[in-house]
Amino acid sequence: MEPFQPHIKSTSDLMITERATIYHLDLKPEHLPDTIITVGDPDRVKEVSKYFDKVKHKVAHREFVSHIGTLNNKPLMVVSTGIGPDNIDIVLNELDALANIDFVTRQPHSQTRSLSIIRMGTCGSLQKDLPVDSLITSSCAIGLDNMLHFYRFEQNEEERYILNDFMQHTRITGAVQPYAAEGSIALRKYFAQGYTNGITITAPGFYAAQGRTTRLQNAYPNLLDAVSTFSSRNMKALNMEMETAAIYGLGKIMGHKCMSISTVVANRADNTISKNIPLAVDNMIKHSLGIIAEI
C-alpha cells in the first residue's frame, strides 16, 4: 500500500462550527482526554458518569451526548454513539480529528496522538453456556457491514486467517463482504476475571442482519446457525451486536487502542432475555470502570 499523504481538509470535508467545535460531537480539541468510553444509548451516558468523581463538561447534540470528568484522578470521557457502524464512522472520525488535526490549518499534527477507546454495550449471546447478564470481551470482531470498505484497510495475518475460516464456514456470498478486525491486546489483558473472551459478530442491523425474522423473508435464513457454530484460533463466536468491528477497524487505521465489552441481554441459543437489563448494564459499568480507572 502506497503511503497516504493527507491533504488540507476543505470546510465541507472537516466540518467545524463557528464556535470551533467539531460538527456532530460539538466538542473542542481541549475537551478530549486520552481515554474514551463509548455507549450506544444517549441515556446511558449519565449512568456511566454518575460514577465519576467529578463531571467537568457536558454537551448534547442529536444522539451524541458527552460527559467529561475524572475518576480516581484519571481523565475520562463517555460519549454516546447511537446504534450501528454508520454512527461509529461519525464518532471515531470526529474523535480522531479532535486528537490529531489542527482546527485552524486543517492539517494533521506532526505527531499522532493515540486514544484508548473502550465500548460498553449490550449484545445477544450465541452460546448456551453464556447466559444472560454475562460479560464478554471481544478479541476480534467480524463485520457484516460495508462501512470499512470505504477506507484503505489492510488486515494482518491473524485477521485474514480468521476471516478465511469465517467465509469457509458460513459460505456467505453475494452483497455481504465481511471483514475481520482485532482489538487491542494491551487493553484487553486488564479484563480477565469476570469476562469471557472471544469473537464478536457485528451486524449492520437488528433484525434480518442478526438472523431475526418478522414478516419479511431473510436473504440469509441460516445466518444465526452459521455464526453460532463458528470458531477460529480456539475462539468461538460468542455474541452479535452492531458496533465493535467498525470501532476496531477504524481504530486500527487511525492508530488508536480499542476494545469492546458487552453484557448479554438476550441469549439467541436458548431464547432467553435478561429479567433486569438496567441492572445487568449497571453491573457491567461498575465492574469495568473500576478497571479502566486503574489502567
C-alpha atoms as a PDB file:
ATOM      1  CA  MET A   1       0.000   0.000   0.000  1.00  0.00           C
ATOM      2  CA  GLU A   2       1.404   3.395  -1.007  1.00  0.00           C
ATOM      3  CA  PRO A   3       1.804   5.953   1.798  1.00  0.00           C
ATOM      4  CA  PHE A   4      -1.146   8.299   2.074  1.00  0.00           C
ATOM      5  CA  GLN A   5      -0.353  11.990   2.174  1.00  0.00           C
ATOM      6  CA  PRO A   6      -3.217  13.864   3.878  1.00  0.00           C
ATOM      7  CA  HIS A   7      -4.305  16.984   2.043  1.00  0.00           C
ATOM      8  CA  ILE A   8      -5.612  20.171   3.598  1.00  0.00           C
ATOM      9  CA  LYS A   9      -9.165  19.422   4.655  1.00  0.00           C
ATOM     10  CA  SER A  10     -11.811  21.571   2.988  1.00  0.00           C
ATOM     11  CA  THR A  11     -14.565  23.146   5.047  1.00  0.00           C
ATOM     12  CA  SER A  12     -17.002  20.502   3.822  1.00  0.00           C
ATOM     13  CA  ASP A  13     -14.600  17.606   4.468  1.00  0.00           C
ATOM     14  CA  LEU A  14     -13.982  18.549   8.086  1.00  0.00           C
ATOM     15  CA  MET A  15     -16.989  20.461   9.351  1.00  0.00           C
ATOM     16  CA  ILE A  16     -16.147  22.816  12.226  1.00  0.00           C
ATOM     17  CA  THR A  17     -18.719  25.132  13.762  1.00  0.00           C
ATOM     18  CA  GLU A  18     -18.333  28.874  14.289  1.00  0.00           C
ATOM     19  CA  ARG A  19     -17.640  28.031  17.948  1.00  0.00           C
ATOM     20  CA  ALA A  20     -14.631  25.931  16.865  1.00  0.00           C
ATOM     21  CA  THR A  21     -16.327  22.643  17.785  1.00  0.00           C
ATOM     22  CA  ILE A  22     -16.422  19.504  15.658  1.00  0.00           C
ATOM     23  CA  TYR A  23     -19.748  19.294  13.829  1.00  0.00           C
ATOM     24  CA  HIS A  24     -21.592  16.309  15.334  1.00  0.00           C
ATOM     25  CA  LEU A  25     -19.956  15.830  18.738  1.00  0.00           C
ATOM     26  CA  ASP A  26     -19.888  19.592  19.395  1.00  0.00           C
ATOM     27  CA  LEU A  27     -16.561  19.290  21.234  1.00  0.00           C
ATOM     28  CA  LYS A  28     -13.303  21.235  21.092  1.00  0.00           C
ATOM     29  CA  PRO A  29      -9.852  19.594  20.983  1.00  0.00           C
ATOM     30  CA  GLU A  30      -9.073  20.784  24.505  1.00  0.00           C
ATOM     31  CA  HIS A  31     -12.056  18.802  25.818  1.00  0.00           C
ATOM     32  CA  LEU A  32     -10.595  15.444  24.776  1.00  0.00           C
ATOM     33  CA  PRO A  33      -8.942  13.106  27.336  1.00  0.00           C
ATOM     34  CA  ASP A  34      -6.855  10.103  26.317  1.00  0.00           C
ATOM     35  CA  THR A  35      -9.426   7.524  27.466  1.00  0.00           C
ATOM     36  CA  ILE A  36     -12.863   7.440  25.854  1.00  0.00           C
ATOM     37  CA  ILE A  37     -15.784   5.196  26.812  1.00  0.00           C
ATOM     38  CA  THR A  38     -18.444   4.738  24.149  1.00  0.00           C
ATOM     39  CA  VAL A  39     -22.023   3.644  24.754  1.00  0.00           C
ATOM     40  CA  GLY A  40     -24.817   3.336  22.226  1.00  0.00           C
ATOM     41  CA  ASP A  41     -27.718   4.779  24.184  1.00  0.00           C
ATOM     42  CA  PRO A  42     -27.592   8.530  24.937  1.00  0.00           C
ATOM     43  CA  ASP A  43     -29.423   7.843  28.210  1.00  0.00           C
ATOM     44  CA  ARG A  44     -26.612   5.517  29.274  1.00  0.00           C
ATOM     45  CA  VAL A  45     -24.045   8.321  29.356  1.00  0.00           C
ATOM     46  CA  LYS A  46     -25.298   9.599  32.714  1.00  0.00           C
ATOM     47  CA  GLU A  47     -25.395   6.031  34.016  1.00  0.00           C
ATOM     48  CA  VAL A  48     -21.636   5.904  33.451  1.00  0.00           C
ATOM     49  CA  SER A  49     -20.706   9.434  34.512  1.00  0.00           C
ATOM     50  CA  LYS A  50     -22.630   9.151  37.796  1.00  0.00           C
ATOM     51  CA  TYR A  51     -19.679   7.064  38.998  1.00  0.00           C
ATOM     52  CA  PHE A  52     -17.127   9.737  38.070  1.00  0.00           C
ATOM     53  CA  ASP A  53     -15.657  11.694  40.958  1.00  0.00           C
ATOM     54  CA  LYS A  54     -16.325  14.866  39.009  1.00  0.00           C
ATOM     55  CA  VAL A  55     -18.015  15.804  35.721  1.00  0.00           C
ATOM     56  CA  LYS A  56     -16.400  18.935  34.285  1.00  0.00           C
ATOM     57  CA  HIS A  57     -18.159  19.281  30.941  1.00  0.00           C
ATOM     58  CA  LYS A  58     -21.412  18.083  29.379  1.00  0.00           C
ATOM     59  CA  VAL A  59     -22.617  18.501  25.819  1.00  0.00           C
ATOM     60  CA  ALA A  60     -25.505  17.019  23.822  1.00  0.00           C
ATOM     61  CA  HIS A  61     -26.072  17.292  20.076  1.00  0.00           C
ATOM     62  CA  ARG A  62     -28.521  14.961  18.352  1.00  0.00           C
ATOM     63  CA  GLU A  63     -27.824  11.428  19.609  1.00  0.00           C
ATOM     64  CA  PHE A  64     -24.266  12.331  20.619  1.00  0.00           C
ATOM     65  CA  VAL A  65     -24.081  13.039  24.355  1.00  0.00           C
ATOM     66  CA  SER A  66     -20.687  13.544  26.020  1.00  0.00           C
ATOM     67  CA  HIS A  67     -19.742  13.804  29.695  1.00  0.00           C
ATOM     68  CA  ILE A  68     -16.116  14.586  30.542  1.00  0.00           C
ATOM     69  CA  GLY A  69     -14.669  14.240  34.019  1.00  0.00           C
ATOM     70  CA  THR A  70     -12.342  12.275  36.265  1.00  0.00           C
ATOM     71  CA  LEU A  71     -12.330   9.015  38.215  1.00  0.00           C
ATOM     72  CA  ASN A  72      -9.520   8.412  40.702  1.00  0.00           C
ATOM     73  CA  ASN A  73      -7.809  11.444  39.136  1.00  0.00           C
ATOM     74  CA  LYS A  74      -7.900   9.794  35.706  1.00  0.00           C
ATOM     75  CA  PRO A  75      -9.444  11.995  32.978  1.00  0.00           C
ATOM     76  CA  LEU A  76     -12.292  10.145  31.272  1.00  0.00           C
ATOM     77  CA  MET A  77     -14.950  10.861  28.698  1.00  0.00           C
ATOM     78  CA  VAL A  78     -18.106   8.896  27.958  1.00  0.00           C
ATOM     79  CA  VAL A  79     -19.880   9.542  24.668  1.00  0.00           C
ATOM     80  CA  SER A  80     -22.979   8.011  23.107  1.00  0.00           C
ATOM     81  CA  THR A  81     -22.584   6.835  19.532  1.00  0.00           C
ATOM     82  CA  GLY A  82     -26.120   5.847  18.704  1.00  0.00           C
ATOM     83  CA  ILE A  83     -26.638   2.490  17.012  1.00  0.00           C
ATOM     84  CA  GLY A  84     -24.696   0.928  14.167  1.00  0.00           C
ATOM     85  CA  PRO A  85     -21.488   1.133  12.129  1.00  0.00           C
ATOM     86  CA  ASP A  86     -22.606   4.302  10.322  1.00  0.00           C
ATOM     87  CA  ASN A  87     -22.662   6.220  13.600  1.00  0.00           C
ATOM     88  CA  ILE A  88     -19.292   4.750  14.549  1.00  0.00           C
ATOM     89  CA  ASP A  89     -17.931   6.270  11.342  1.00  0.00           C
ATOM     90  CA  ILE A  90     -19.005   9.700  12.597  1.00  0.00           C
ATOM     91  CA  VAL A  91     -17.849   9.321  16.192  1.00  0.00           C
ATOM     92  CA  LEU A  92     -14.413   7.802  15.563  1.00  0.00           C
ATOM     93  CA  ASN A  93     -13.581  10.213  12.760  1.00  0.00           C
ATOM     94  CA  GLU A  94     -14.527  13.171  14.930  1.00  0.00           C
ATOM     95  CA  LEU A  95     -12.672  11.861  17.975  1.00  0.00           C
ATOM     96  CA  ASP A  96      -9.614  11.368  15.784  1.00  0.00           C
ATOM     97  CA  ALA A  97      -9.978  14.867  14.334  1.00  0.00           C
ATOM     98  CA  LEU A  98     -10.145  16.316  17.838  1.00  0.00           C
ATOM     99  CA  ALA A  99      -6.973  14.434  18.735  1.00  0.00           C
ATOM    100  CA  ASN A 100      -4.932  14.742  15.579  1.00  0.00           C
ATOM    101  CA  ILE A 101      -5.978  17.666  13.361  1.00  0.00           C
ATOM    102  CA  ASP A 102      -5.244  21.350  13.823  1.00  0.00           C
ATOM    103  CA  PHE A 103      -8.617  23.082  13.552  1.00  0.00           C
ATOM    104  CA  VAL A 104      -7.025  26.287  12.245  1.00  0.00           C
ATOM    105  CA  THR A 105      -4.812  24.886   9.480  1.00  0.00           C
ATOM    106  CA  ARG A 106      -6.856  21.689   8.964  1.00  0.00           C
ATOM    107  CA  GLN A 107      -3.568  19.829   8.779  1.00  0.00           C
ATOM    108  CA  PRO A 108      -2.688  16.727  10.836  1.00  0.00           C
ATOM    109  CA  HIS A 109      -0.425  17.330  13.812  1.00  0.00           C
ATOM    110  CA  SER A 110       3.200  16.303  13.319  1.00  0.00           C
ATOM    111  CA  GLN A 111       2.820  13.584  15.963  1.00  0.00           C
ATOM    112  CA  THR A 112      -0.152  11.234  16.121  1.00  0.00           C
ATOM    113  CA  ARG A 113      -1.989  11.041  19.429  1.00  0.00           C
ATOM    114  CA  SER A 114      -3.289   7.566  20.273  1.00  0.00           C
ATOM    115  CA  LEU A 115      -6.532   7.303  22.238  1.00  0.00           C
ATOM    116  CA  SER A 116      -7.851   4.385  24.288  1.00  0.00           C
ATOM    117  CA  ILE A 117     -11.433   3.772  23.150  1.00  0.00           C
ATOM    118  CA  ILE A 118     -13.493   1.293  25.170  1.00  0.00           C
ATOM    119  CA  ARG A 119     -17.009   0.337  24.148  1.00  0.00           C
ATOM    120  CA  MET A 120     -19.539  -0.682  26.807  1.00  0.00           C
ATOM    121  CA  GLY A 121     -22.561  -2.160  25.089  1.00  0.00           C
ATOM    122  CA  THR A 122     -25.242  -4.812  25.043  1.00  0.00           C
ATOM    123  CA  CYS A 123     -25.377  -7.889  22.869  1.00  0.00           C
ATOM    124  CA  GLY A 124     -27.023 -11.182  22.104  1.00  0.00           C
ATOM    125  CA  SER A 125     -25.128 -14.311  23.150  1.00  0.00           C
ATOM    126  CA  LEU A 126     -24.679 -17.040  20.540  1.00  0.00           C
ATOM    127  CA  GLN A 127     -23.762 -19.768  23.042  1.00  0.00           C
ATOM    128  CA  LYS A 128     -25.945 -21.585  25.578  1.00  0.00           C
ATOM    129  CA  ASP A 129     -23.127 -21.576  28.118  1.00  0.00           C
ATOM    130  CA  LEU A 130     -23.020 -17.761  28.047  1.00  0.00           C
ATOM    131  CA  PRO A 131     -26.294 -16.894  29.774  1.00  0.00           C
ATOM    132  CA  VAL A 132     -27.944 -13.513  30.009  1.00  0.00           C
ATOM    133  CA  ASP A 133     -26.127 -10.978  32.216  1.00  0.00           C
ATOM    134  CA  SER A 134     -22.706 -12.459  31.305  1.00  0.00           C
ATOM    135  CA  LEU A 135     -19.836 -10.131  30.369  1.00  0.00           C
ATOM    136  CA  ILE A 136     -17.941 -10.579  27.096  1.00  0.00           C
ATOM    137  CA  THR A 137     -14.745  -9.032  25.745  1.00  0.00           C
ATOM    138  CA  SER A 138     -14.040  -9.136  22.014  1.00  0.00           C
ATOM    139  CA  SER A 139     -10.640 -10.358  20.868  1.00  0.00           C
ATOM    140  CA  CYS A 140     -11.616  -9.982  17.235  1.00  0.00           C
ATOM    141  CA  ALA A 141     -14.768  -8.782  15.509  1.00  0.00           C
ATOM    142  CA  ILE A 142     -16.144  -9.794  12.133  1.00  0.00           C
ATOM    143  CA  GLY A 143     -18.087  -7.039  10.416  1.00  0.00           C
ATOM    144  CA  LEU A 144     -21.046  -7.887   8.201  1.00  0.00           C
ATOM    145  CA  ASP A 145     -21.401  -4.209   7.305  1.00  0.00           C
ATOM    146  CA  ASN A 146     -19.736  -2.441   4.367  1.00  0.00           C
ATOM    147  CA  MET A 147     -18.604   0.746   6.125  1.00  0.00           C
ATOM    148  CA  LEU A 148     -14.937  -0.181   6.484  1.00  0.00           C
ATOM    149  CA  HIS A 149     -14.675  -0.992   2.766  1.00  0.00           C
ATOM    150  CA  PHE A 150     -14.757   2.749   2.076  1.00  0.00           C
ATOM    151  CA  TYR A 151     -11.334   3.063   3.744  1.00  0.00           C
ATOM    152  CA  ARG A 152      -7.932   1.668   2.805  1.00  0.00           C
ATOM    153  CA  PHE A 153      -7.689  -1.071   5.397  1.00  0.00           C
ATOM    154  CA  GLU A 154      -5.098  -3.826   5.390  1.00  0.00           C
ATOM    155  CA  GLN A 155      -5.857  -6.852   7.544  1.00  0.00           C
ATOM    156  CA  ASN A 156      -2.950  -8.534   9.286  1.00  0.00           C
ATOM    157  CA  GLU A 157      -2.193 -12.237   9.014  1.00  0.00           C
ATOM    158  CA  GLU A 158      -4.300 -13.138  12.056  1.00  0.00           C
ATOM    159  CA  GLU A 159      -7.294 -11.173  10.788  1.00  0.00           C
ATOM    160  CA  ARG A 160      -7.013 -12.751   7.331  1.00  0.00           C
ATOM    161  CA  TYR A 161      -6.822 -16.223   8.883  1.00  0.00           C
ATOM    162  CA  ILE A 162      -9.950 -15.705  10.991  1.00  0.00           C
ATOM    163  CA  LEU A 163     -11.843 -14.140   8.089  1.00  0.00           C
ATOM    164  CA  ASN A 164     -10.917 -17.011   5.781  1.00  0.00           C
ATOM    165  CA  ASP A 165     -12.178 -19.505   8.369  1.00  0.00           C
ATOM    166  CA  PHE A 166     -15.392 -17.486   8.685  1.00  0.00           C
ATOM    167  CA  MET A 167     -16.008 -17.368   4.937  1.00  0.00           C
ATOM    168  CA  GLN A 168     -15.403 -21.094   4.550  1.00  0.00           C
ATOM    169  CA  HIS A 169     -17.646 -21.939   7.486  1.00  0.00           C
ATOM    170  CA  THR A 170     -20.581 -19.628   6.772  1.00  0.00           C
ATOM    171  CA  ARG A 171     -20.461 -19.693   2.946  1.00  0.00           C
ATOM    172  CA  ILE A 172     -21.676 -16.111   2.908  1.00  0.00           C
ATOM    173  CA  THR A 173     -21.689 -14.788  -0.653  1.00  0.00           C
ATOM    174  CA  GLY A 174     -23.274 -12.002  -2.626  1.00  0.00           C
ATOM    175  CA  ALA A 175     -23.693  -8.466  -1.372  1.00  0.00           C
ATOM    176  CA  VAL A 176     -22.256  -9.150   2.103  1.00  0.00           C
ATOM    177  CA  GLN A 177     -18.464  -8.781   2.166  1.00  0.00           C
ATOM    178  CA  PRO A 178     -17.278  -9.408   5.746  1.00  0.00           C
ATOM    179  CA  TYR A 179     -14.026  -8.160   7.242  1.00  0.00           C
ATOM    180  CA  ALA A 180     -12.171  -9.011  10.449  1.00  0.00           C
ATOM    181  CA  ALA A 181     -10.539  -6.568  12.844  1.00  0.00           C
ATOM    182  CA  GLU A 182      -8.679  -7.260  16.085  1.00  0.00           C
ATOM    183  CA  GLY A 183      -8.971  -5.268  19.280  1.00  0.00           C
ATOM    184  CA  SER A 184      -6.143  -4.054  21.490  1.00  0.00           C
ATOM    185  CA  ILE A 185      -4.335  -6.805  23.368  1.00  0.00           C
ATOM    186  CA  ALA A 186      -2.749  -4.109  25.544  1.00  0.00           C
ATOM    187  CA  LEU A 187      -6.191  -3.076  26.823  1.00  0.00           C
ATOM    188  CA  ARG A 188      -7.856  -6.471  26.862  1.00  0.00           C
ATOM    189  CA  LYS A 189      -5.257  -8.009  29.176  1.00  0.00           C
ATOM    190  CA  TYR A 190      -6.715  -5.985  32.071  1.00  0.00           C
ATOM    191  CA  PHE A 191     -10.168  -7.518  31.591  1.00  0.00           C
ATOM    192  CA  ALA A 192      -9.809 -11.170  32.536  1.00  0.00           C
ATOM    193  CA  GLN A 193     -11.647 -12.041  35.729  1.00  0.00           C
ATOM    194  CA  GLY A 194     -15.394 -11.927  35.235  1.00  0.00           C
ATOM    195  CA  TYR A 195     -15.223 -11.666  31.430  1.00  0.00           C
ATOM    196  CA  THR A 196     -15.359 -14.295  28.675  1.00  0.00           C
ATOM    197  CA  ASN A 197     -13.202 -13.509  25.657  1.00  0.00           C
ATOM    198  CA  GLY A 198     -13.896 -14.497  22.065  1.00  0.00           C
ATOM    199  CA  ILE A 199     -15.050 -13.435  18.612  1.00  0.00           C
ATOM    200  CA  THR A 200     -17.845 -10.926  18.088  1.00  0.00           C
ATOM    201  CA  ILE A 201     -20.073 -10.671  15.019  1.00  0.00           C
ATOM    202  CA  THR A 202     -21.009  -7.083  14.149  1.00  0.00           C
ATOM    203  CA  ALA A 203     -24.213  -6.696  12.147  1.00  0.00           C
ATOM    204  CA  PRO A 204     -25.436  -3.605  10.266  1.00  0.00           C
ATOM    205  CA  GLY A 205     -28.988  -4.152  11.523  1.00  0.00           C
ATOM    206  CA  PHE A 206     -31.021  -5.687  14.336  1.00  0.00           C
ATOM    207  CA  TYR A 207     -33.484  -7.914  12.508  1.00  0.00           C
ATOM    208  CA  ALA A 208     -32.554  -9.896   9.358  1.00  0.00           C
ATOM    209  CA  ALA A 209     -28.907  -8.860   9.724  1.00  0.00           C
ATOM    210  CA  GLN A 210     -28.857 -10.780  13.022  1.00  0.00           C
ATOM    211  CA  GLY A 211     -30.950 -13.683  11.779  1.00  0.00           C
ATOM    212  CA  ARG A 212     -34.258 -12.459  13.217  1.00  0.00           C
ATOM    213  CA  THR A 213     -37.470 -12.993  11.290  1.00  0.00           C
ATOM    214  CA  THR A 214     -40.569 -10.810  11.264  1.00  0.00           C
ATOM    215  CA  ARG A 215     -42.898 -10.518   8.253  1.00  0.00           C
ATOM    216  CA  LEU A 216     -40.098 -10.409   5.672  1.00  0.00           C
ATOM    217  CA  GLN A 217     -38.132 -13.195   4.051  1.00  0.00           C
ATOM    218  CA  ASN A 218     -34.466 -13.306   5.022  1.00  0.00           C
ATOM    219  CA  ALA A 219     -31.818 -13.455   2.296  1.00  0.00           C
ATOM    220  CA  TYR A 220     -29.588 -15.496   4.640  1.00  0.00           C
ATOM    221  CA  PRO A 221     -32.026 -17.763   6.539  1.00  0.00           C
ATOM    222  CA  ASN A 222     -29.229 -19.869   8.057  1.00  0.00           C
ATOM    223  CA  LEU A 223     -27.181 -16.915   9.287  1.00  0.00           C
ATOM    224  CA  LEU A 224     -27.769 -17.429  13.003  1.00  0.00           C
ATOM    225  CA  ASP A 225     -26.887 -21.129  12.878  1.00  0.00           C
ATOM    226  CA  ALA A 226     -23.789 -20.404  10.809  1.00  0.00           C
ATOM    227  CA  VAL A 227     -22.332 -17.765  13.108  1.00  0.00           C
ATOM    228  CA  SER A 228     -23.306 -19.651  16.281  1.00  0.00           C
ATOM    229  CA  THR A 229     -21.235 -22.668  15.243  1.00  0.00           C
ATOM    230  CA  PHE A 230     -18.224 -20.690  14.033  1.00  0.00           C
ATOM    231  CA  SER A 231     -14.848 -20.846  15.749  1.00  0.00           C
ATOM    232  CA  SER A 232     -11.288 -19.969  14.795  1.00  0.00           C
ATOM    233  CA  ARG A 233      -7.953 -19.916  16.609  1.00  0.00           C
ATOM    234  CA  ASN A 234      -9.563 -21.778  19.529  1.00  0.00           C
ATOM    235  CA  MET A 235     -12.086 -18.960  19.949  1.00  0.00           C
ATOM    236  CA  LYS A 236     -15.837 -19.251  19.483  1.00  0.00           C
ATOM    237  CA  ALA A 237     -18.128 -16.623  18.058  1.00  0.00           C
ATOM    238  CA  LEU A 238     -19.684 -15.527  21.339  1.00  0.00           C
ATOM    239  CA  ASN A 239     -22.054 -12.703  20.510  1.00  0.00           C
ATOM    240  CA  MET A 240     -23.703 -10.404  17.977  1.00  0.00           C
ATOM    241  CA  GLU A 241     -24.023  -6.640  18.233  1.00  0.00           C
ATOM    242  CA  MET A 242     -23.769  -3.601  15.961  1.00  0.00           C
ATOM    243  CA  GLU A 243     -20.611  -1.554  16.585  1.00  0.00           C
ATOM    244  CA  THR A 244     -17.478  -3.471  17.586  1.00  0.00           C
ATOM    245  CA  ALA A 245     -15.965  -4.383  14.198  1.00  0.00           C
ATOM    246  CA  ALA A 246     -16.332  -0.809  12.971  1.00  0.00           C
ATOM    247  CA  ILE A 247     -14.640   0.518  16.119  1.00  0.00           C
ATOM    248  CA  TYR A 248     -11.801  -1.996  15.828  1.00  0.00           C
ATOM    249  CA  GLY A 249     -11.272  -1.442  12.108  1.00  0.00           C
ATOM    250  CA  LEU A 250     -11.342   2.347  12.138  1.00  0.00           C
ATOM    251  CA  GLY A 251      -9.394   2.495  15.375  1.00  0.00           C
ATOM    252  CA  LYS A 252      -6.658   0.335  13.896  1.00  0.00           C
ATOM    253  CA  ILE A 253      -6.369   2.539  10.800  1.00  0.00           C
ATOM    254  CA  MET A 254      -6.181   5.652  12.972  1.00  0.00           C
ATOM    255  CA  GLY A 255      -3.677   4.213  15.428  1.00  0.00           C
ATOM    256  CA  HIS A 256      -5.948   4.077  18.479  1.00  0.00           C
ATOM    257  CA  LYS A 257      -6.216   1.272  21.050  1.00  0.00           C
ATOM    258  CA  CYS A 258      -9.752  -0.129  21.065  1.00  0.00           C
ATOM    259  CA  MET A 259     -11.636  -2.798  22.950  1.00  0.00           C
ATOM    260  CA  SER A 260     -15.246  -3.805  23.384  1.00  0.00           C
ATOM    261  CA  ILE A 261     -17.103  -5.005  26.465  1.00  0.00           C
ATOM    262  CA  SER A 262     -20.647  -6.349  26.164  1.00  0.00           C
ATOM    263  CA  THR A 263     -23.242  -7.509  28.621  1.00  0.00           C
ATOM    264  CA  VAL A 264     -25.584 -10.217  27.379  1.00  0.00           C
ATOM    265  CA  VAL A 265     -29.203  -9.045  27.379  1.00  0.00           C
ATOM    266  CA  ALA A 266     -30.538 -11.848  25.160  1.00  0.00           C
ATOM    267  CA  ASN A 267     -29.387 -15.404  24.571  1.00  0.00           C
ATOM    268  CA  ARG A 268     -30.111 -16.388  20.982  1.00  0.00           C
ATOM    269  CA  ALA A 269     -29.236 -20.032  21.643  1.00  0.00           C
ATOM    270  CA  ASP A 270     -31.864 -20.662  24.324  1.00  0.00           C
ATOM    271  CA  ASN A 271     -34.245 -17.761  23.558  1.00  0.00           C
ATOM    272  CA  THR A 272     -33.979 -16.084  26.940  1.00  0.00           C
ATOM    273  CA  ILE A 273     -33.910 -12.376  27.789  1.00  0.00           C
ATOM    274  CA  SER A 274     -32.417 -10.703  30.855  1.00  0.00           C
ATOM    275  CA  LYS A 275     -35.006 -10.135  33.558  1.00  0.00           C
ATOM    276  CA  ASN A 276     -33.357  -6.860  34.539  1.00  0.00           C
ATOM    277  CA  ILE A 277     -31.444  -5.231  31.695  1.00  0.00           C
ATOM    278  CA  PRO A 278     -30.727  -1.952  33.560  1.00  0.00           C
ATOM    279  CA  LEU A 279     -29.153  -3.915  36.427  1.00  0.00           C
ATOM    280  CA  ALA A 280     -27.072  -6.024  34.028  1.00  0.00           C
ATOM    281  CA  VAL A 281     -25.817  -2.870  32.307  1.00  0.00           C
ATOM    282  CA  ASP A 282     -25.062  -1.205  35.640  1.00  0.00           C
ATOM    283  CA  ASN A 283     -23.055  -4.217  36.795  1.00  0.00           C
ATOM    284  CA  MET A 284     -21.002  -4.037  33.592  1.00  0.00           C
ATOM    285  CA  ILE A 285     -20.396  -0.313  34.069  1.00  0.00           C
ATOM    286  CA  LYS A 286     -19.315  -0.601  37.708  1.00  0.00           C
ATOM    287  CA  HIS A 287     -17.088  -3.626  37.167  1.00  0.00           C
ATOM    288  CA  SER A 288     -15.439  -2.180  34.061  1.00  0.00           C
ATOM    289  CA  LEU A 289     -14.989   1.366  35.376  1.00  0.00           C
ATOM    290  CA  GLY A 290     -13.065   0.020  38.338  1.00  0.00           C
ATOM    291  CA  ILE A 291     -10.568  -1.499  35.920  1.00  0.00           C
ATOM    292  CA  ILE A 292     -10.466   1.436  33.491  1.00  0.00           C
ATOM    293  CA  ALA A 293      -9.658   3.868  36.289  1.00  0.00           C
ATOM    294  CA  GLU A 294      -6.512   1.893  37.105  1.00  0.00           C
ATOM    295  CA  ILE A 295      -5.180   1.414  33.572  1.00  0.00           C
END
